[in-house]
């Protein structure tokens, strides 16, 4: 399976609903530690943190599931809560655009930005 890199272009494609739901979800699943098994064509949870594996033995659909998205939001460190603005310059949606699908995509992107920042810090 091939997932796009966590570039700003990929993140904007999620925000703008240009990247399909499945791929957006899979980027988060991979970051959480779910691993795709090519042989079984299923996502495995052996490397997933207990708090996620216990709640979601199978990776959740973050765009469809409010509880999963709330958990994702709460897992973003406080210092990273504003990365949408700071890293992407995202000003938010217009009031008439505030629908669950878009706000959940924004949560996915904010989590992916936080994950990317943490991964970069660990590499240095």
C-alpha atoms as a PDB file:
ATOM      1  CA  UNK A   1       0.000   0.000   0.000  1.00  0.00           C
ATOM      2  CA  UNK A   2       1.273   3.451  -0.872  1.00  0.00           C
ATOM      3  CA  UNK A   3       0.289   6.501   1.166  1.00  0.00           C
ATOM      4  CA  UNK A   4       1.201  10.060   0.233  1.00  0.00           C
ATOM      5  CA  UNK A   5       3.914  11.802   2.265  1.00  0.00           C
ATOM      6  CA  UNK A   6       2.890  14.161   5.076  1.00  0.00           C
ATOM      7  CA  UNK A   7       3.639  17.282   3.086  1.00  0.00           C
ATOM      8  CA  UNK A   8       1.723  20.531   3.356  1.00  0.00           C
ATOM      9  CA  UNK A   9       0.230  19.733  -0.051  1.00  0.00           C
ATOM     10  CA  UNK A  10      -1.182  16.448   1.273  1.00  0.00           C
ATOM     11  CA  UNK A  11      -2.549  18.183   4.355  1.00  0.00           C
ATOM     12  CA  UNK A  12      -4.222  20.897   2.269  1.00  0.00           C
ATOM     13  CA  UNK A  13      -5.730  18.174   0.064  1.00  0.00           C
ATOM     14  CA  UNK A  14      -7.336  16.695   3.198  1.00  0.00           C
ATOM     15  CA  UNK A  15      -8.629  20.114   4.318  1.00  0.00           C
ATOM     16  CA  UNK A  16      -9.990  20.876   0.856  1.00  0.00           C
ATOM     17  CA  UNK A  17     -11.654  17.442   0.575  1.00  0.00           C
ATOM     18  CA  UNK A  18      -9.465  16.564  -2.402  1.00  0.00           C
ATOM     19  CA  UNK A  19      -7.958  13.472  -0.766  1.00  0.00           C
ATOM     20  CA  UNK A  20     -10.364  10.586  -0.299  1.00  0.00           C
ATOM     21  CA  UNK A  21     -11.596   9.652   3.185  1.00  0.00           C
ATOM     22  CA  UNK A  22      -9.905   6.256   3.133  1.00  0.00           C
ATOM     23  CA  UNK A  23      -6.444   7.709   2.495  1.00  0.00           C
ATOM     24  CA  UNK A  24      -6.929  10.488   5.051  1.00  0.00           C
ATOM     25  CA  UNK A  25      -7.906   7.891   7.649  1.00  0.00           C
ATOM     26  CA  UNK A  26      -5.030   5.597   6.703  1.00  0.00           C
ATOM     27  CA  UNK A  27      -2.494   8.368   7.305  1.00  0.00           C
ATOM     28  CA  UNK A  28      -3.783   8.713  10.871  1.00  0.00           C
ATOM     29  CA  UNK A  29      -3.968   4.943  11.375  1.00  0.00           C
ATOM     30  CA  UNK A  30      -0.344   4.615  10.335  1.00  0.00           C
ATOM     31  CA  UNK A  31       0.644   7.413  12.714  1.00  0.00           C
ATOM     32  CA  UNK A  32      -1.204   5.707  15.558  1.00  0.00           C
ATOM     33  CA  UNK A  33       0.720   2.502  14.907  1.00  0.00           C
ATOM     34  CA  UNK A  34      -1.790   0.423  12.961  1.00  0.00           C
ATOM     35  CA  UNK A  35       0.102  -1.551  10.349  1.00  0.00           C
ATOM     36  CA  UNK A  36      -1.263  -2.809   7.062  1.00  0.00           C
ATOM     37  CA  UNK A  37      -0.687  -6.502   6.406  1.00  0.00           C
ATOM     38  CA  UNK A  38      -0.463  -7.040   2.665  1.00  0.00           C
ATOM     39  CA  UNK A  39      -1.048 -10.787   3.006  1.00  0.00           C
ATOM     40  CA  UNK A  40      -4.317 -10.511   4.925  1.00  0.00           C
ATOM     41  CA  UNK A  41      -5.203  -7.071   3.520  1.00  0.00           C
ATOM     42  CA  UNK A  42      -6.136  -5.933   7.030  1.00  0.00           C
ATOM     43  CA  UNK A  43      -4.854  -3.371   9.477  1.00  0.00           C
ATOM     44  CA  UNK A  44      -3.197  -4.895  12.552  1.00  0.00           C
ATOM     45  CA  UNK A  45      -2.980  -3.231  15.961  1.00  0.00           C
ATOM     46  CA  UNK A  46       0.088  -4.846  17.521  1.00  0.00           C
ATOM     47  CA  UNK A  47       2.063  -1.579  17.582  1.00  0.00           C
ATOM     48  CA  UNK A  48      -0.860   0.632  18.660  1.00  0.00           C
ATOM     49  CA  UNK A  49      -0.810   2.259  22.108  1.00  0.00           C
ATOM     50  CA  UNK A  50      -3.090   0.511  24.599  1.00  0.00           C
ATOM     51  CA  UNK A  51      -5.503   3.437  24.961  1.00  0.00           C
ATOM     52  CA  UNK A  52      -6.189   3.334  21.219  1.00  0.00           C
ATOM     53  CA  UNK A  53      -6.065  -0.444  20.790  1.00  0.00           C
ATOM     54  CA  UNK A  54      -8.488  -0.985  23.694  1.00  0.00           C
ATOM     55  CA  UNK A  55     -10.969   1.573  22.358  1.00  0.00           C
ATOM     56  CA  UNK A  56     -10.459   0.707  18.677  1.00  0.00           C
ATOM     57  CA  UNK A  57      -9.145  -2.804  17.997  1.00  0.00           C
ATOM     58  CA  UNK A  58      -9.862  -2.031  14.345  1.00  0.00           C
ATOM     59  CA  UNK A  59      -8.876   1.429  13.119  1.00  0.00           C
ATOM     60  CA  UNK A  60     -11.803   3.868  13.282  1.00  0.00           C
ATOM     61  CA  UNK A  61     -13.221   6.036  10.534  1.00  0.00           C
ATOM     62  CA  UNK A  62     -12.377   9.470  11.924  1.00  0.00           C
ATOM     63  CA  UNK A  63     -14.565  11.262   9.402  1.00  0.00           C
ATOM     64  CA  UNK A  64     -17.629   9.198  10.287  1.00  0.00           C
ATOM     65  CA  UNK A  65     -17.115   8.722  14.040  1.00  0.00           C
ATOM     66  CA  UNK A  66     -17.501  11.649  16.412  1.00  0.00           C
ATOM     67  CA  UNK A  67     -16.194   9.705  19.464  1.00  0.00           C
ATOM     68  CA  UNK A  68     -13.042   8.692  17.576  1.00  0.00           C
ATOM     69  CA  UNK A  69     -12.474  12.276  16.449  1.00  0.00           C
ATOM     70  CA  UNK A  70     -12.972  13.592  19.993  1.00  0.00           C
ATOM     71  CA  UNK A  71     -10.347  11.087  21.209  1.00  0.00           C
ATOM     72  CA  UNK A  72      -8.039  12.206  18.395  1.00  0.00           C
ATOM     73  CA  UNK A  73      -8.493  15.865  19.383  1.00  0.00           C
ATOM     74  CA  UNK A  74      -7.742  15.111  23.031  1.00  0.00           C
ATOM     75  CA  UNK A  75      -4.561  13.275  22.049  1.00  0.00           C
ATOM     76  CA  UNK A  76      -3.042  16.402  20.463  1.00  0.00           C
ATOM     77  CA  UNK A  77      -0.584  17.990  22.926  1.00  0.00           C
ATOM     78  CA  UNK A  78      -1.616  21.467  24.075  1.00  0.00           C
ATOM     79  CA  UNK A  79       1.483  22.993  22.484  1.00  0.00           C
ATOM     80  CA  UNK A  80       0.325  21.661  19.098  1.00  0.00           C
ATOM     81  CA  UNK A  81      -3.334  22.730  19.185  1.00  0.00           C
ATOM     82  CA  UNK A  82      -2.717  25.765  16.920  1.00  0.00           C
ATOM     83  CA  UNK A  83      -0.611  24.067  14.250  1.00  0.00           C
ATOM     84  CA  UNK A  84      -3.306  24.501  11.603  1.00  0.00           C
ATOM     85  CA  UNK A  85      -2.806  28.266  11.891  1.00  0.00           C
ATOM     86  CA  UNK A  86       0.906  28.250  12.694  1.00  0.00           C
ATOM     87  CA  UNK A  87       2.122  25.727  10.117  1.00  0.00           C
ATOM     88  CA  UNK A  88      -0.466  25.999   7.343  1.00  0.00           C
ATOM     89  CA  UNK A  89      -1.900  29.466   7.860  1.00  0.00           C
ATOM     90  CA  UNK A  90      -5.374  27.914   7.949  1.00  0.00           C
ATOM     91  CA  UNK A  91      -7.872  30.533   9.087  1.00  0.00           C
ATOM     92  CA  UNK A  92     -10.721  28.091   9.619  1.00  0.00           C
ATOM     93  CA  UNK A  93     -13.971  27.565   7.803  1.00  0.00           C
ATOM     94  CA  UNK A  94     -16.781  30.015   7.159  1.00  0.00           C
ATOM     95  CA  UNK A  95     -19.783  29.573   9.476  1.00  0.00           C
ATOM     96  CA  UNK A  96     -21.836  28.048   6.652  1.00  0.00           C
ATOM     97  CA  UNK A  97     -19.064  25.490   6.098  1.00  0.00           C
ATOM     98  CA  UNK A  98     -19.037  24.193   9.679  1.00  0.00           C
ATOM     99  CA  UNK A  99     -20.271  20.690   9.024  1.00  0.00           C
ATOM    100  CA  UNK A 100     -18.986  17.566  10.794  1.00  0.00           C
ATOM    101  CA  UNK A 101     -17.200  16.266   7.694  1.00  0.00           C
ATOM    102  CA  UNK A 102     -15.066  19.404   7.334  1.00  0.00           C
ATOM    103  CA  UNK A 103     -14.372  19.912  11.022  1.00  0.00           C
ATOM    104  CA  UNK A 104     -13.324  16.270  11.362  1.00  0.00           C
ATOM    105  CA  UNK A 105     -10.993  16.655   8.403  1.00  0.00           C
ATOM    106  CA  UNK A 106      -9.484  19.707  10.110  1.00  0.00           C
ATOM    107  CA  UNK A 107      -8.987  17.612  13.250  1.00  0.00           C
ATOM    108  CA  UNK A 108      -7.249  14.927  11.186  1.00  0.00           C
ATOM    109  CA  UNK A 109      -4.919  17.531   9.689  1.00  0.00           C
ATOM    110  CA  UNK A 110      -4.153  19.096  13.068  1.00  0.00           C
ATOM    111  CA  UNK A 111      -3.357  15.654  14.491  1.00  0.00           C
ATOM    112  CA  UNK A 112      -1.158  14.832  11.481  1.00  0.00           C
ATOM    113  CA  UNK A 113       0.684  18.147  11.912  1.00  0.00           C
ATOM    114  CA  UNK A 114       1.273  17.306  15.570  1.00  0.00           C
ATOM    115  CA  UNK A 115       2.421  13.793  14.647  1.00  0.00           C
ATOM    116  CA  UNK A 116       4.775  15.204  12.005  1.00  0.00           C
ATOM    117  CA  UNK A 117       6.232  17.721  14.469  1.00  0.00           C
ATOM    118  CA  UNK A 118       6.773  15.022  17.125  1.00  0.00           C
ATOM    119  CA  UNK A 119       8.348  12.673  14.559  1.00  0.00           C
ATOM    120  CA  UNK A 120      10.711  15.418  13.385  1.00  0.00           C
ATOM    121  CA  UNK A 121      11.691  16.238  16.985  1.00  0.00           C
ATOM    122  CA  UNK A 122      12.441  12.571  17.702  1.00  0.00           C
ATOM    123  CA  UNK A 123      14.606  12.355  14.586  1.00  0.00           C
ATOM    124  CA  UNK A 124      16.800  15.267  15.736  1.00  0.00           C
END
